[in-house]
Amino acid sequence: MRRALVVALALVAVAACHRKVDTTSAPAQPSGPTYTLTVTNNLTKAVNVFVTNAGVDTFLSQVQPTSTAQVPVKGIPANTQVTLKATTSDGSSTYSKASVNLTNNYTWVLP
């Protein structure tokens, strides 16, 4: 009886050690140039800033109320036409600016 218990415990221990472990790394960062977008938020609420390129919204950063932030934009080629979008942190308002030619140090003032 004791021997059977020891064998059973050994089998359980061996079975538990052979789990598949996912060792993938974090998603690759977009390649290409990095630009700085200057966002001035004149609202009394924080805004989440996005860039829309080829129909895909990419979150860039959150800009605090009544402040200016330098927001990095990565992986989008120079002079690409994008849409800038900002949504208040509570989701009550959305602001956008279409047909922006992405260049370094572009300034967007809200609202």
C-alpha atoms as a PDB file:
ATOM      1  CA  MET A   1       0.000   0.000   0.000  1.00  0.00           C
ATOM      2  CA  ARG A   2       2.747   2.402   0.930  1.00  0.00           C
ATOM      3  CA  ARG A   3       4.662   1.574  -2.231  1.00  0.00           C
ATOM      4  CA  ALA A   4       1.578   2.223  -4.390  1.00  0.00           C
ATOM      5  CA  LEU A   5       1.106   5.605  -2.728  1.00  0.00           C
ATOM      6  CA  VAL A   6       4.731   6.560  -3.378  1.00  0.00           C
ATOM      7  CA  VAL A   7       4.444   5.498  -7.028  1.00  0.00           C
ATOM      8  CA  ALA A   8       1.201   7.447  -7.440  1.00  0.00           C
ATOM      9  CA  LEU A   9       2.741  10.601  -5.941  1.00  0.00           C
ATOM     10  CA  ALA A  10       5.780  10.236  -8.189  1.00  0.00           C
ATOM     11  CA  LEU A  11       3.545   9.963 -11.274  1.00  0.00           C
ATOM     12  CA  VAL A  12       1.569  13.043 -10.258  1.00  0.00           C
ATOM     13  CA  ALA A  13       4.776  15.018  -9.714  1.00  0.00           C
ATOM     14  CA  VAL A  14       6.162  13.998 -13.112  1.00  0.00           C
ATOM     15  CA  ALA A  15       2.884  14.812 -14.878  1.00  0.00           C
ATOM     16  CA  ALA A  16       2.682  18.230 -13.241  1.00  0.00           C
ATOM     17  CA  CYS A  17       6.187  19.151 -14.399  1.00  0.00           C
ATOM     18  CA  HIS A  18       5.428  18.741 -18.118  1.00  0.00           C
ATOM     19  CA  ARG A  19       3.274  21.803 -18.717  1.00  0.00           C
ATOM     20  CA  LYS A  20       3.595  23.831 -21.858  1.00  0.00           C
ATOM     21  CA  VAL A  21       4.942  27.301 -21.082  1.00  0.00           C
ATOM     22  CA  ASP A  22       4.516  30.231 -23.462  1.00  0.00           C
ATOM     23  CA  THR A  23       7.844  32.042 -23.666  1.00  0.00           C
ATOM     24  CA  THR A  24       7.054  34.581 -26.361  1.00  0.00           C
ATOM     25  CA  SER A  25       8.269  38.107 -25.838  1.00  0.00           C
ATOM     26  CA  ALA A  26       6.319  41.341 -25.972  1.00  0.00           C
ATOM     27  CA  PRO A  27       4.989  42.433 -29.370  1.00  0.00           C
ATOM     28  CA  ALA A  28       7.573  44.083 -31.579  1.00  0.00           C
ATOM     29  CA  GLN A  29       7.650  47.854 -31.503  1.00  0.00           C
ATOM     30  CA  PRO A  30       6.720  49.519 -34.779  1.00  0.00           C
ATOM     31  CA  SER A  31       9.746  50.185 -36.917  1.00  0.00           C
ATOM     32  CA  GLY A  32      10.367  53.379 -38.775  1.00  0.00           C
ATOM     33  CA  PRO A  33      10.866  56.972 -37.737  1.00  0.00           C
ATOM     34  CA  THR A  34       9.697  58.501 -34.489  1.00  0.00           C
ATOM     35  CA  TYR A  35       7.992  61.877 -34.554  1.00  0.00           C
ATOM     36  CA  THR A  36       6.948  64.197 -31.797  1.00  0.00           C
ATOM     37  CA  LEU A  37       3.394  65.478 -31.737  1.00  0.00           C
ATOM     38  CA  THR A  38       2.805  68.458 -29.448  1.00  0.00           C
ATOM     39  CA  VAL A  39      -0.689  68.299 -27.940  1.00  0.00           C
ATOM     40  CA  THR A  40      -2.080  71.241 -25.973  1.00  0.00           C
ATOM     41  CA  ASN A  41      -5.146  70.233 -23.978  1.00  0.00           C
ATOM     42  CA  ASN A  42      -7.157  73.318 -22.982  1.00  0.00           C
ATOM     43  CA  LEU A  43      -9.969  71.176 -21.566  1.00  0.00           C
ATOM     44  CA  THR A  44     -10.653  70.606 -17.874  1.00  0.00           C
ATOM     45  CA  LYS A  45     -10.542  66.825 -18.472  1.00  0.00           C
ATOM     46  CA  ALA A  46      -7.697  64.565 -19.512  1.00  0.00           C
ATOM     47  CA  VAL A  47      -7.781  63.282 -23.096  1.00  0.00           C
ATOM     48  CA  ASN A  48      -6.613  60.043 -24.654  1.00  0.00           C
ATOM     49  CA  VAL A  49      -4.829  60.822 -27.926  1.00  0.00           C
ATOM     50  CA  PHE A  50      -4.945  58.463 -30.921  1.00  0.00           C
ATOM     51  CA  VAL A  51      -3.611  58.535 -34.469  1.00  0.00           C
ATOM     52  CA  THR A  52      -5.661  56.861 -37.204  1.00  0.00           C
ATOM     53  CA  ASN A  53      -3.663  55.501 -40.119  1.00  0.00           C
ATOM     54  CA  ALA A  54      -5.156  53.231 -42.800  1.00  0.00           C
ATOM     55  CA  GLY A  55      -8.348  52.933 -40.733  1.00  0.00           C
ATOM     56  CA  VAL A  56      -6.571  51.711 -37.584  1.00  0.00           C
ATOM     57  CA  ASP A  57      -6.656  53.750 -34.352  1.00  0.00           C
ATOM     58  CA  THR A  58      -3.412  53.613 -32.371  1.00  0.00           C
ATOM     59  CA  PHE A  59      -3.333  54.936 -28.806  1.00  0.00           C
ATOM     60  CA  LEU A  60      -0.473  57.381 -28.290  1.00  0.00           C
ATOM     61  CA  SER A  61      -0.780  58.903 -24.836  1.00  0.00           C
ATOM     62  CA  GLN A  62      -3.000  60.561 -22.254  1.00  0.00           C
ATOM     63  CA  VAL A  63      -2.645  64.330 -21.906  1.00  0.00           C
ATOM     64  CA  GLN A  64      -3.634  65.872 -18.598  1.00  0.00           C
ATOM     65  CA  PRO A  65      -6.121  68.765 -18.347  1.00  0.00           C
ATOM     66  CA  THR A  66      -4.894  72.278 -19.176  1.00  0.00           C
ATOM     67  CA  SER A  67      -1.423  71.090 -20.129  1.00  0.00           C
ATOM     68  CA  THR A  68       0.865  70.501 -23.086  1.00  0.00           C
ATOM     69  CA  ALA A  69       2.593  67.189 -23.789  1.00  0.00           C
ATOM     70  CA  GLN A  70       5.180  65.966 -26.255  1.00  0.00           C
ATOM     71  CA  VAL A  71       3.721  62.724 -27.605  1.00  0.00           C
ATOM     72  CA  PRO A  72       5.925  60.291 -29.554  1.00  0.00           C
ATOM     73  CA  VAL A  73       4.487  58.787 -32.757  1.00  0.00           C
ATOM     74  CA  LYS A  74       6.334  55.685 -34.010  1.00  0.00           C
ATOM     75  CA  GLY A  75       6.256  53.629 -37.158  1.00  0.00           C
ATOM     76  CA  ILE A  76       4.376  55.929 -39.531  1.00  0.00           C
ATOM     77  CA  PRO A  77       6.291  57.239 -42.570  1.00  0.00           C
ATOM     78  CA  ALA A  78       6.888  60.969 -42.955  1.00  0.00           C
ATOM     79  CA  ASN A  79       4.143  63.028 -44.597  1.00  0.00           C
ATOM     80  CA  THR A  80       1.586  60.247 -44.231  1.00  0.00           C
ATOM     81  CA  GLN A  81      -1.944  61.644 -44.067  1.00  0.00           C
ATOM     82  CA  VAL A  82      -3.454  60.623 -40.739  1.00  0.00           C
ATOM     83  CA  THR A  83      -6.363  61.612 -38.552  1.00  0.00           C
ATOM     84  CA  LEU A  84      -5.675  62.780 -35.017  1.00  0.00           C
ATOM     85  CA  LYS A  85      -8.301  61.893 -32.436  1.00  0.00           C
ATOM     86  CA  ALA A  86      -8.689  62.816 -28.772  1.00  0.00           C
ATOM     87  CA  THR A  87     -11.354  61.429 -26.462  1.00  0.00           C
ATOM     88  CA  THR A  88     -11.977  62.803 -22.996  1.00  0.00           C
ATOM     89  CA  SER A  89     -11.113  60.315 -20.270  1.00  0.00           C
ATOM     90  CA  ASP A  90     -14.786  59.959 -19.324  1.00  0.00           C
ATOM     91  CA  GLY A  91     -15.735  59.328 -22.970  1.00  0.00           C
ATOM     92  CA  SER A  92     -18.162  62.244 -23.122  1.00  0.00           C
ATOM     93  CA  SER A  93     -16.465  64.104 -26.006  1.00  0.00           C
ATOM     94  CA  THR A  94     -14.324  63.274 -29.014  1.00  0.00           C
ATOM     95  CA  TYR A  95     -12.274  65.711 -31.073  1.00  0.00           C
ATOM     96  CA  SER A  96     -10.624  64.910 -34.397  1.00  0.00           C
ATOM     97  CA  LYS A  97      -8.530  66.537 -37.060  1.00  0.00           C
ATOM     98  CA  ALA A  98      -8.472  64.821 -40.447  1.00  0.00           C
ATOM     99  CA  SER A  99      -5.933  64.966 -43.265  1.00  0.00           C
ATOM    100  CA  VAL A 100      -2.925  65.827 -41.135  1.00  0.00           C
ATOM    101  CA  ASN A 101       0.421  65.363 -42.890  1.00  0.00           C
ATOM    102  CA  LEU A 102       2.529  63.786 -40.185  1.00  0.00           C
ATOM    103  CA  THR A 103       5.733  65.724 -39.621  1.00  0.00           C
ATOM    104  CA  ASN A 104       7.993  66.168 -36.639  1.00  0.00           C
ATOM    105  CA  ASN A 105       6.824  68.712 -34.043  1.00  0.00           C
ATOM    106  CA  TYR A 106       3.297  69.014 -35.429  1.00  0.00           C
ATOM    107  CA  THR A 107       1.169  70.976 -32.923  1.00  0.00           C
ATOM    108  CA  TRP A 108      -2.465  70.192 -32.156  1.00  0.00           C
ATOM    109  CA  VAL A 109      -4.429  72.460 -29.817  1.00  0.00           C
ATOM    110  CA  LEU A 110      -7.641  71.161 -28.173  1.00  0.00           C
ATOM    111  CA  PRO A 111     -10.314  72.472 -28.567  1.00  0.00           C
END
